[in-house]
Amino acid sequence: MEYTIYYRNFLKYCNYTCSYCPFSKGKLDEISLKKEKKYLYKFIDYIKNSRHKFRLFFAPRGELLIHDMYKEAFTVLSKMENVIEIVVQTNLSSSLDWIEFANRDKLILWTTYHPQQVERDAYFEKVKCLISKKAKFTIGIVGVKENFEDIRAMSELLNSLDAGKPYFWINAYKDEKSYYTDDDIKFLSSIDHLFQINLENHLSENEYCKTGDSAFFVEFNGNIHRCWKDKIKLGNIYQVDLNNLSKKEKCSKKYCTCFIGYSNMESLGLEAKYKNSVLGRML
């Protein structure tokens, strides 16, 4: 069988200090790092020894690629025969040299641009570096109004590229009701032609979804949930075969608001829009 796994790690730490992010306030210590490594290596062994095929998405509690253990892990996972693709969320703050040793046909970087944390030109240099390494990647940014000028400027830089221009997507800010004006939506849609999809809170109740069937959310300790929003424990990946858990059911939640959730909704048919990888947000 083929399954998609969204893996959420143990360590809560990011080297960026974004005010809206809870992981920016985390602390590093040796005990936590040892636990992180233990959980990670156990997961790698599980994938290696499984008879199933996998699409993997690492949804971190912060930034993972500042740790050598993860650069090594993604390199190893990308070369496993039963791993179809592996998607890694990163702010691109660390060295990119390791990518040359990974299987770049399977590896996709879901990169995020944080204008308040990194100089625009420095980030763009990382983008050009990824292109030179023939890496697969996209660029995302949070669509808060203080980012609008940076969104415009980054889009212009990306449009100046001769080849290898990545998809530049905008995560809609939904914490405030009626946050965007019509002109705001028009502007953001001119940068990201799929912005309207992300702007919507998708009615998911009684809709069929791949989560719980062919896609699962797995915590660092192996506990399995249908998706990131569903708190019901289905089992533990180290104790039960996914075949015994796989069950096609309708969603019980009223709305689905996040891409890693609603991208699994069958009714949206996003495979037609993200033809090169729905998981990796690749057009």
C-alpha atoms as a PDB file:
ATOM      1  CA  MET A   1       0.000   0.000   0.000  1.00  0.00           C
ATOM      2  CA  GLU A   2       0.963   3.641  -0.466  1.00  0.00           C
ATOM      3  CA  TYR A   3       0.505   6.096   2.393  1.00  0.00           C
ATOM      4  CA  THR A   4       1.131   9.774   3.070  1.00  0.00           C
ATOM      5  CA  ILE A   5       2.514  10.551   6.508  1.00  0.00           C
ATOM      6  CA  TYR A   6       2.684  14.003   8.054  1.00  0.00           C
ATOM      7  CA  TYR A   7       5.369  13.746  10.736  1.00  0.00           C
ATOM      8  CA  ARG A   8       5.416  16.185  13.666  1.00  0.00           C
ATOM      9  CA  ASN A   9       8.686  16.201  15.591  1.00  0.00           C
ATOM     10  CA  PHE A  10       9.290  16.416  19.353  1.00  0.00           C
ATOM     11  CA  LEU A  11      11.570  19.451  19.704  1.00  0.00           C
ATOM     12  CA  LYS A  12       9.946  22.886  19.909  1.00  0.00           C
ATOM     13  CA  TYR A  13      12.551  25.355  18.745  1.00  0.00           C
ATOM     14  CA  CYS A  14      13.126  27.831  15.924  1.00  0.00           C
ATOM     15  CA  ASN A  15      16.071  30.109  15.276  1.00  0.00           C
ATOM     16  CA  TYR A  16      13.652  32.795  14.063  1.00  0.00           C
ATOM     17  CA  THR A  17      11.651  34.961  16.462  1.00  0.00           C
ATOM     18  CA  CYS A  18       8.372  35.567  14.619  1.00  0.00           C
ATOM     19  CA  SER A  19       5.857  36.996  17.088  1.00  0.00           C
ATOM     20  CA  TYR A  20       2.947  34.852  15.854  1.00  0.00           C
ATOM     21  CA  CYS A  21       4.837  31.555  16.154  1.00  0.00           C
ATOM     22  CA  PRO A  22       4.821  29.588  19.452  1.00  0.00           C
ATOM     23  CA  PHE A  23       7.991  27.705  18.506  1.00  0.00           C
ATOM     24  CA  SER A  24      10.087  30.879  18.451  1.00  0.00           C
ATOM     25  CA  LYS A  25      10.040  30.846  22.256  1.00  0.00           C
ATOM     26  CA  GLY A  26      11.435  27.324  22.602  1.00  0.00           C
ATOM     27  CA  LYS A  27      14.802  26.526  24.161  1.00  0.00           C
ATOM     28  CA  LEU A  28      17.532  24.075  23.173  1.00  0.00           C
ATOM     29  CA  ASP A  29      19.149  21.717  25.656  1.00  0.00           C
ATOM     30  CA  GLU A  30      21.073  18.442  25.388  1.00  0.00           C
ATOM     31  CA  ILE A  31      18.306  16.302  26.868  1.00  0.00           C
ATOM     32  CA  SER A  32      15.756  17.546  24.342  1.00  0.00           C
ATOM     33  CA  LEU A  33      18.181  17.107  21.451  1.00  0.00           C
ATOM     34  CA  LYS A  34      18.893  13.512  22.495  1.00  0.00           C
ATOM     35  CA  LYS A  35      15.164  12.785  22.659  1.00  0.00           C
ATOM     36  CA  GLU A  36      14.670  14.376  19.249  1.00  0.00           C
ATOM     37  CA  LYS A  37      17.367  12.179  17.736  1.00  0.00           C
ATOM     38  CA  LYS A  38      15.966   9.047  19.375  1.00  0.00           C
ATOM     39  CA  TYR A  39      12.448   9.677  18.034  1.00  0.00           C
ATOM     40  CA  LEU A  40      13.730  10.625  14.574  1.00  0.00           C
ATOM     41  CA  TYR A  41      15.930   7.557  14.155  1.00  0.00           C
ATOM     42  CA  LYS A  42      13.124   5.281  15.307  1.00  0.00           C
ATOM     43  CA  PHE A  43      10.879   6.765  12.623  1.00  0.00           C
ATOM     44  CA  ILE A  44      13.576   6.332   9.969  1.00  0.00           C
ATOM     45  CA  ASP A  45      13.976   2.664  10.931  1.00  0.00           C
ATOM     46  CA  TYR A  46      10.220   2.200  10.686  1.00  0.00           C
ATOM     47  CA  ILE A  47      10.136   3.613   7.151  1.00  0.00           C
ATOM     48  CA  LYS A  48      13.169   1.563   6.130  1.00  0.00           C
ATOM     49  CA  ASN A  49      11.694  -1.714   7.366  1.00  0.00           C
ATOM     50  CA  SER A  50       8.100  -1.131   6.236  1.00  0.00           C
ATOM     51  CA  ARG A  51       6.558  -3.037   3.346  1.00  0.00           C
ATOM     52  CA  HIS A  52       4.535   0.066   2.404  1.00  0.00           C
ATOM     53  CA  LYS A  53       5.440   2.956   0.127  1.00  0.00           C
ATOM     54  CA  PHE A  54       5.398   6.480   1.519  1.00  0.00           C
ATOM     55  CA  ARG A  55       5.040  10.132   0.742  1.00  0.00           C
ATOM     56  CA  LEU A  56       6.467  12.022   3.716  1.00  0.00           C
ATOM     57  CA  PHE A  57       5.796  15.561   4.892  1.00  0.00           C
ATOM     58  CA  PHE A  58       7.772  16.935   7.824  1.00  0.00           C
ATOM     59  CA  ALA A  59       5.656  19.552   9.610  1.00  0.00           C
ATOM     60  CA  PRO A  60       8.112  20.855  12.219  1.00  0.00           C
ATOM     61  CA  ARG A  61       7.697  22.572  15.553  1.00  0.00           C
ATOM     62  CA  GLY A  62      10.212  25.164  14.416  1.00  0.00           C
ATOM     63  CA  GLU A  63      13.200  24.866  12.076  1.00  0.00           C
ATOM     64  CA  LEU A  64      14.698  21.416  11.512  1.00  0.00           C
ATOM     65  CA  LEU A  65      17.542  22.022   9.080  1.00  0.00           C
ATOM     66  CA  ILE A  66      19.695  23.850  11.609  1.00  0.00           C
ATOM     67  CA  HIS A  67      20.309  20.345  13.019  1.00  0.00           C
ATOM     68  CA  ASP A  68      22.730  18.028  11.227  1.00  0.00           C
ATOM     69  CA  MET A  69      20.648  15.026  12.263  1.00  0.00           C
ATOM     70  CA  TYR A  70      17.856  16.190   9.972  1.00  0.00           C
ATOM     71  CA  LYS A  71      20.089  16.934   7.009  1.00  0.00           C
ATOM     72  CA  GLU A  72      21.396  13.382   7.336  1.00  0.00           C
ATOM     73  CA  ALA A  73      17.902  11.965   7.874  1.00  0.00           C
ATOM     74  CA  PHE A  74      16.419  13.599   4.791  1.00  0.00           C
ATOM     75  CA  THR A  75      19.380  12.489   2.703  1.00  0.00           C
ATOM     76  CA  VAL A  76      18.918   8.887   3.839  1.00  0.00           C
ATOM     77  CA  LEU A  77      15.119   8.911   3.471  1.00  0.00           C
ATOM     78  CA  SER A  78      15.315  10.417  -0.015  1.00  0.00           C
ATOM     79  CA  LYS A  79      17.340   7.405  -1.158  1.00  0.00           C
ATOM     80  CA  MET A  80      15.008   4.715   0.189  1.00  0.00           C
ATOM     81  CA  GLU A  81      13.225   2.782  -2.530  1.00  0.00           C
ATOM     82  CA  ASN A  82       9.887   2.818  -0.704  1.00  0.00           C
ATOM     83  CA  VAL A  83       9.919   6.616  -0.266  1.00  0.00           C
ATOM     84  CA  ILE A  84       8.182   8.214  -3.244  1.00  0.00           C
ATOM     85  CA  GLU A  85       8.701  11.813  -2.166  1.00  0.00           C
ATOM     86  CA  ILE A  86       9.734  13.719   0.930  1.00  0.00           C
ATOM     87  CA  VAL A  87       8.654  17.295   1.640  1.00  0.00           C
ATOM     88  CA  VAL A  88      10.516  19.413   4.182  1.00  0.00           C
ATOM     89  CA  GLN A  89       9.375  22.775   5.553  1.00  0.00           C
ATOM     90  CA  THR A  90      12.302  25.164   6.120  1.00  0.00           C
ATOM     91  CA  ASN A  91      13.160  28.870   6.416  1.00  0.00           C
ATOM     92  CA  LEU A  92      16.403  28.346   4.427  1.00  0.00           C
ATOM     93  CA  SER A  93      18.553  29.799   7.210  1.00  0.00           C
ATOM     94  CA  SER A  94      21.097  26.959   7.204  1.00  0.00           C
ATOM     95  CA  SER A  95      23.684  25.710   4.712  1.00  0.00           C
ATOM     96  CA  LEU A  96      22.308  24.051   1.583  1.00  0.00           C
ATOM     97  CA  ASP A  97      25.390  21.964   0.787  1.00  0.00           C
ATOM     98  CA  TRP A  98      23.749  18.747   2.022  1.00  0.00           C
ATOM     99  CA  ILE A  99      21.190  18.835  -0.804  1.00  0.00           C
ATOM    100  CA  GLU A 100      23.841  17.708  -3.277  1.00  0.00           C
ATOM    101  CA  PHE A 101      24.024  14.362  -1.476  1.00  0.00           C
ATOM    102  CA  ALA A 102      20.254  13.765  -1.385  1.00  0.00           C
ATOM    103  CA  ASN A 103      18.069  12.311  -4.110  1.00  0.00           C
ATOM    104  CA  ARG A 104      16.776  15.555  -5.582  1.00  0.00           C
ATOM    105  CA  ASP A 105      14.217  13.707  -7.691  1.00  0.00           C
ATOM    106  CA  LYS A 106      12.330  12.874  -4.484  1.00  0.00           C
ATOM    107  CA  LEU A 107      13.194  15.793  -2.198  1.00  0.00           C
ATOM    108  CA  ILE A 108      10.981  18.895  -2.180  1.00  0.00           C
ATOM    109  CA  LEU A 109      11.689  21.926  -0.003  1.00  0.00           C
ATOM    110  CA  TRP A 110       8.664  23.885   1.164  1.00  0.00           C
ATOM    111  CA  THR A 111      10.584  27.087   1.896  1.00  0.00           C
ATOM    112  CA  THR A 112       9.226  30.070   3.812  1.00  0.00           C
ATOM    113  CA  TYR A 113      10.239  33.716   3.480  1.00  0.00           C
ATOM    114  CA  HIS A 114      10.144  35.799   6.673  1.00  0.00           C
ATOM    115  CA  PRO A 115      10.919  39.440   5.772  1.00  0.00           C
ATOM    116  CA  GLN A 116      11.345  40.506   9.408  1.00  0.00           C
ATOM    117  CA  GLN A 117      13.949  37.784  10.002  1.00  0.00           C
ATOM    118  CA  VAL A 118      16.120  37.789   6.882  1.00  0.00           C
ATOM    119  CA  GLU A 119      17.307  40.356   4.358  1.00  0.00           C
ATOM    120  CA  ARG A 120      15.508  40.041   1.030  1.00  0.00           C
ATOM    121  CA  ASP A 121      18.685  39.829  -1.045  1.00  0.00           C
ATOM    122  CA  ALA A 122      20.164  37.181   1.263  1.00  0.00           C
ATOM    123  CA  TYR A 123      17.047  35.049   0.903  1.00  0.00           C
ATOM    124  CA  PHE A 124      17.042  35.497  -2.864  1.00  0.00           C
ATOM    125  CA  GLU A 125      20.647  34.288  -2.973  1.00  0.00           C
ATOM    126  CA  LYS A 126      19.469  31.087  -1.272  1.00  0.00           C
ATOM    127  CA  VAL A 127      16.768  30.779  -3.922  1.00  0.00           C
ATOM    128  CA  LYS A 128      19.350  31.072  -6.698  1.00  0.00           C
ATOM    129  CA  CYS A 129      21.507  28.527  -4.890  1.00  0.00           C
ATOM    130  CA  LEU A 130      18.635  26.031  -4.856  1.00  0.00           C
ATOM    131  CA  ILE A 131      18.079  26.588  -8.567  1.00  0.00           C
ATOM    132  CA  SER A 132      21.773  26.004  -9.278  1.00  0.00           C
ATOM    133  CA  LYS A 133      21.576  22.721  -7.369  1.00  0.00           C
ATOM    134  CA  LYS A 134      18.513  21.696  -9.392  1.00  0.00           C
ATOM    135  CA  ALA A 135      16.481  21.342  -6.216  1.00  0.00           C
ATOM    136  CA  LYS A 136      12.700  21.127  -6.217  1.00  0.00           C
ATOM    137  CA  PHE A 137      11.159  23.835  -4.060  1.00  0.00           C
ATOM    138  CA  THR A 138       8.449  26.424  -3.586  1.00  0.00           C
ATOM    139  CA  ILE A 139       8.410  29.694  -1.645  1.00  0.00           C
ATOM    140  CA  GLY A 140       5.728  30.716   0.819  1.00  0.00           C
ATOM    141  CA  ILE A 141       5.003  33.815   2.845  1.00  0.00           C
ATOM    142  CA  VAL A 142       2.313  34.828   5.336  1.00  0.00           C
ATOM    143  CA  GLY A 143      -0.031  37.343   3.725  1.00  0.00           C
ATOM    144  CA  VAL A 144      -0.143  39.899   6.543  1.00  0.00           C
ATOM    145  CA  LYS A 145      -0.371  43.505   5.413  1.00  0.00           C
ATOM    146  CA  GLU A 146       3.045  44.442   6.768  1.00  0.00           C
ATOM    147  CA  ASN A 147       4.461  41.917   4.281  1.00  0.00           C
ATOM    148  CA  PHE A 148       2.757  43.377   1.204  1.00  0.00           C
ATOM    149  CA  GLU A 149       5.723  45.428  -0.012  1.00  0.00           C
ATOM    150  CA  ASP A 150       8.072  42.481   0.547  1.00  0.00           C
ATOM    151  CA  ILE A 151       5.657  40.230  -1.356  1.00  0.00           C
ATOM    152  CA  ARG A 152       5.694  42.663  -4.260  1.00  0.00           C
ATOM    153  CA  ALA A 153       9.486  43.003  -4.220  1.00  0.00           C
ATOM    154  CA  MET A 154      10.160  39.257  -3.930  1.00  0.00           C
ATOM    155  CA  SER A 155       7.759  38.566  -6.779  1.00  0.00           C
ATOM    156  CA  GLU A 156       9.679  41.018  -8.966  1.00  0.00           C
ATOM    157  CA  LEU A 157      12.971  39.309  -8.101  1.00  0.00           C
ATOM    158  CA  LEU A 158      11.536  35.895  -8.927  1.00  0.00           C
ATOM    159  CA  ASN A 159      10.152  37.183 -12.221  1.00  0.00           C
ATOM    160  CA  SER A 160      13.656  38.332 -13.143  1.00  0.00           C
ATOM    161  CA  LEU A 161      14.938  34.748 -13.136  1.00  0.00           C
ATOM    162  CA  ASP A 162      15.753  33.350 -16.567  1.00  0.00           C
ATOM    163  CA  ALA A 163      14.812  29.785 -15.632  1.00  0.00           C
ATOM    164  CA  GLY A 164      13.750  27.682 -12.678  1.00  0.00           C
ATOM    165  CA  LYS A 165      11.325  30.222 -11.219  1.00  0.00           C
ATOM    166  CA  PRO A 166       9.616  28.572  -8.220  1.00  0.00           C
ATOM    167  CA  TYR A 167       5.952  28.875  -7.333  1.00  0.00           C
ATOM    168  CA  PHE A 168       5.479  31.760  -4.875  1.00  0.00           C
ATOM    169  CA  TRP A 169       2.466  31.079  -2.658  1.00  0.00           C
ATOM    170  CA  ILE A 170       0.777  33.231  -0.043  1.00  0.00           C
ATOM    171  CA  ASN A 171      -0.767  31.874   3.138  1.00  0.00           C
ATOM    172  CA  ALA A 172      -3.883  33.886   3.866  1.00  0.00           C
ATOM    173  CA  TYR A 173      -4.070  35.527   7.286  1.00  0.00           C
ATOM    174  CA  LYS A 174      -7.361  34.387   8.806  1.00  0.00           C
ATOM    175  CA  ASP A 175      -7.017  35.308  12.477  1.00  0.00           C
ATOM    176  CA  GLU A 176      -8.954  38.539  11.935  1.00  0.00           C
ATOM    177  CA  LYS A 177     -12.388  38.567  10.320  1.00  0.00           C
ATOM    178  CA  SER A 178     -12.669  40.622   7.112  1.00  0.00           C
ATOM    179  CA  TYR A 179      -8.936  41.294   7.258  1.00  0.00           C
ATOM    180  CA  TYR A 180      -8.546  41.871   3.522  1.00  0.00           C
ATOM    181  CA  THR A 181     -10.148  44.511   1.330  1.00  0.00           C
ATOM    182  CA  ASP A 182     -11.166  43.662  -2.236  1.00  0.00           C
ATOM    183  CA  ASP A 183      -8.051  45.469  -3.456  1.00  0.00           C
ATOM    184  CA  ASP A 184      -5.880  43.411  -1.079  1.00  0.00           C
ATOM    185  CA  ILE A 185      -7.313  40.184  -2.462  1.00  0.00           C
ATOM    186  CA  LYS A 186      -6.833  41.403  -6.024  1.00  0.00           C
ATOM    187  CA  PHE A 187      -3.193  42.255  -5.314  1.00  0.00           C
ATOM    188  CA  LEU A 188      -2.379  38.971  -3.573  1.00  0.00           C
ATOM    189  CA  SER A 189      -4.156  36.974  -6.283  1.00  0.00           C
ATOM    190  CA  SER A 190      -2.012  38.731  -8.902  1.00  0.00           C
ATOM    191  CA  ILE A 191       1.058  37.276  -7.170  1.00  0.00           C
ATOM    192  CA  ASP A 192      -0.382  33.858  -6.281  1.00  0.00           C
ATOM    193  CA  HIS A 193      -3.133  32.802  -8.688  1.00  0.00           C
ATOM    194  CA  LEU A 194      -4.251  30.128  -6.177  1.00  0.00           C
ATOM    195  CA  PHE A 195      -4.548  32.556  -3.257  1.00  0.00           C
ATOM    196  CA  GLN A 196      -8.354  32.417  -3.306  1.00  0.00           C
ATOM    197  CA  ILE A 197      -8.214  28.692  -2.503  1.00  0.00           C
ATOM    198  CA  ASN A 198      -6.135  29.333   0.600  1.00  0.00           C
ATOM    199  CA  LEU A 199      -8.249  32.332   1.583  1.00  0.00           C
ATOM    200  CA  GLU A 200     -11.344  30.156   1.903  1.00  0.00           C
ATOM    201  CA  ASN A 201     -12.203  28.092   4.975  1.00  0.00           C
ATOM    202  CA  HIS A 202     -13.387  24.962   3.208  1.00  0.00           C
ATOM    203  CA  LEU A 203     -16.610  23.356   4.353  1.00  0.00           C
ATOM    204  CA  SER A 204     -15.411  19.860   5.207  1.00  0.00           C
ATOM    205  CA  GLU A 205     -18.191  18.369   7.329  1.00  0.00           C
ATOM    206  CA  ASN A 206     -19.502  15.149   5.742  1.00  0.00           C
ATOM    207  CA  GLU A 207     -16.946  15.439   2.925  1.00  0.00           C
ATOM    208  CA  TYR A 208     -14.681  12.539   2.062  1.00  0.00           C
ATOM    209  CA  CYS A 209     -11.000  13.064   2.769  1.00  0.00           C
ATOM    210  CA  LYS A 210      -7.860  11.008   2.265  1.00  0.00           C
ATOM    211  CA  THR A 211      -6.876  11.470   5.904  1.00  0.00           C
ATOM    212  CA  GLY A 212      -7.560   8.371   7.953  1.00  0.00           C
ATOM    213  CA  ASP A 213      -7.583   6.381   4.727  1.00  0.00           C
ATOM    214  CA  SER A 214      -4.342   6.878   2.798  1.00  0.00           C
ATOM    215  CA  ALA A 215      -2.960   9.827   4.802  1.00  0.00           C
ATOM    216  CA  PHE A 216      -2.160  10.028   8.511  1.00  0.00           C
ATOM    217  CA  PHE A 217      -0.734  12.553  10.947  1.00  0.00           C
ATOM    218  CA  VAL A 218       1.973  10.919  13.088  1.00  0.00           C
ATOM    219  CA  GLU A 219       3.460  12.394  16.238  1.00  0.00           C
ATOM    220  CA  PHE A 220       7.111  11.959  17.264  1.00  0.00           C
ATOM    221  CA  ASN A 221       6.152   9.113  19.645  1.00  0.00           C
ATOM    222  CA  GLY A 222       4.317   7.222  16.920  1.00  0.00           C
ATOM    223  CA  ASN A 223       0.773   8.170  17.922  1.00  0.00           C
ATOM    224  CA  ILE A 224      -1.465   8.374  14.871  1.00  0.00           C
ATOM    225  CA  HIS A 225      -4.278  10.827  14.196  1.00  0.00           C
ATOM    226  CA  ARG A 226      -6.465  11.266  11.179  1.00  0.00           C
ATOM    227  CA  CYS A 227      -5.120  14.777  10.605  1.00  0.00           C
ATOM    228  CA  TRP A 228      -3.396  17.598  12.481  1.00  0.00           C
ATOM    229  CA  LYS A 229      -6.744  18.973  13.666  1.00  0.00           C
ATOM    230  CA  ASP A 230      -8.201  15.675  14.888  1.00  0.00           C
ATOM    231  CA  LYS A 231      -7.112  14.846  18.444  1.00  0.00           C
ATOM    232  CA  ILE A 232      -8.509  11.292  18.453  1.00  0.00           C
ATOM    233  CA  LYS A 233      -5.717   8.705  18.679  1.00  0.00           C
ATOM    234  CA  LEU A 234      -6.166   5.949  16.112  1.00  0.00           C
ATOM    235  CA  GLY A 235      -3.230   3.851  17.275  1.00  0.00           C
ATOM    236  CA  ASN A 236       0.547   3.860  17.244  1.00  0.00           C
ATOM    237  CA  ILE A 237       2.570   3.421  14.084  1.00  0.00           C
ATOM    238  CA  TYR A 238       5.049   1.162  15.878  1.00  0.00           C
ATOM    239  CA  GLN A 239       2.339  -1.141  17.173  1.00  0.00           C
ATOM    240  CA  VAL A 240      -0.239  -1.475  14.391  1.00  0.00           C
ATOM    241  CA  ASP A 241      -0.106  -1.845  10.616  1.00  0.00           C
ATOM    242  CA  LEU A 242      -1.594   1.110   8.746  1.00  0.00           C
ATOM    243  CA  ASN A 243      -3.629  -1.338   6.667  1.00  0.00           C
ATOM    244  CA  ASN A 244      -5.597  -2.169   9.807  1.00  0.00           C
ATOM    245  CA  LEU A 245      -6.359   1.517  10.439  1.00  0.00           C
ATOM    246  CA  SER A 246      -7.111   2.644   6.911  1.00  0.00           C
ATOM    247  CA  LYS A 247     -10.765   3.587   6.653  1.00  0.00           C
ATOM    248  CA  LYS A 248     -12.542   5.929   4.281  1.00  0.00           C
ATOM    249  CA  GLU A 249     -14.768   8.219   6.298  1.00  0.00           C
ATOM    250  CA  LYS A 250     -16.412  11.607   6.021  1.00  0.00           C
ATOM    251  CA  CYS A 251     -14.893  14.501   7.962  1.00  0.00           C
ATOM    252  CA  SER A 252     -16.494  15.426  11.280  1.00  0.00           C
ATOM    253  CA  LYS A 253     -15.042  18.942  11.400  1.00  0.00           C
ATOM    254  CA  LYS A 254     -17.089  21.926  10.202  1.00  0.00           C
ATOM    255  CA  TYR A 255     -14.279  23.600   8.266  1.00  0.00           C
ATOM    256  CA  CYS A 256     -10.770  22.826   7.058  1.00  0.00           C
ATOM    257  CA  THR A 257      -8.555  25.914   7.101  1.00  0.00           C
ATOM    258  CA  CYS A 258      -4.972  24.741   6.469  1.00  0.00           C
ATOM    259  CA  PHE A 259      -3.387  23.545   3.220  1.00  0.00           C
ATOM    260  CA  ILE A 260      -1.947  20.351   4.699  1.00  0.00           C
ATOM    261  CA  GLY A 261      -5.502  19.480   5.691  1.00  0.00           C
ATOM    262  CA  TYR A 262      -7.736  20.592   2.829  1.00  0.00           C
ATOM    263  CA  SER A 263      -5.283  19.395   0.175  1.00  0.00           C
ATOM    264  CA  ASN A 264      -6.560  15.926   1.082  1.00  0.00           C
ATOM    265  CA  MET A 265     -10.225  16.778   0.445  1.00  0.00           C
ATOM    266  CA  GLU A 266     -11.399  14.801  -2.561  1.00  0.00           C
ATOM    267  CA  SER A 267     -14.035  17.369  -3.504  1.00  0.00           C
ATOM    268  CA  LEU A 268     -11.399  20.056  -4.185  1.00  0.00           C
ATOM    269  CA  GLY A 269      -9.449  17.961  -6.703  1.00  0.00           C
ATOM    270  CA  LEU A 270      -6.223  19.865  -6.106  1.00  0.00           C
ATOM    271  CA  GLU A 271      -4.154  17.268  -7.968  1.00  0.00           C
ATOM    272  CA  ALA A 272      -5.283  19.034 -11.136  1.00  0.00           C
ATOM    273  CA  LYS A 273      -3.745  22.310  -9.949  1.00  0.00           C
ATOM    274  CA  TYR A 274      -0.623  20.982  -8.216  1.00  0.00           C
ATOM    275  CA  LYS A 275       0.301  18.605 -11.005  1.00  0.00           C
ATOM    276  CA  ASN A 276       3.895  18.001  -9.902  1.00  0.00           C
ATOM    277  CA  SER A 277       3.063  17.376  -6.231  1.00  0.00           C
ATOM    278  CA  VAL A 278       0.081  18.289  -4.092  1.00  0.00           C
ATOM    279  CA  LEU A 279       2.071  17.384  -0.985  1.00  0.00           C
ATOM    280  CA  GLY A 280       4.923  19.658  -2.040  1.00  0.00           C
ATOM    281  CA  ARG A 281       2.673  22.418  -3.389  1.00  0.00           C
ATOM    282  CA  MET A 282       4.393  22.059  -6.744  1.00  0.00           C
ATOM    283  CA  LEU A 283       2.565  23.317  -9.835  1.00  0.00           C
END
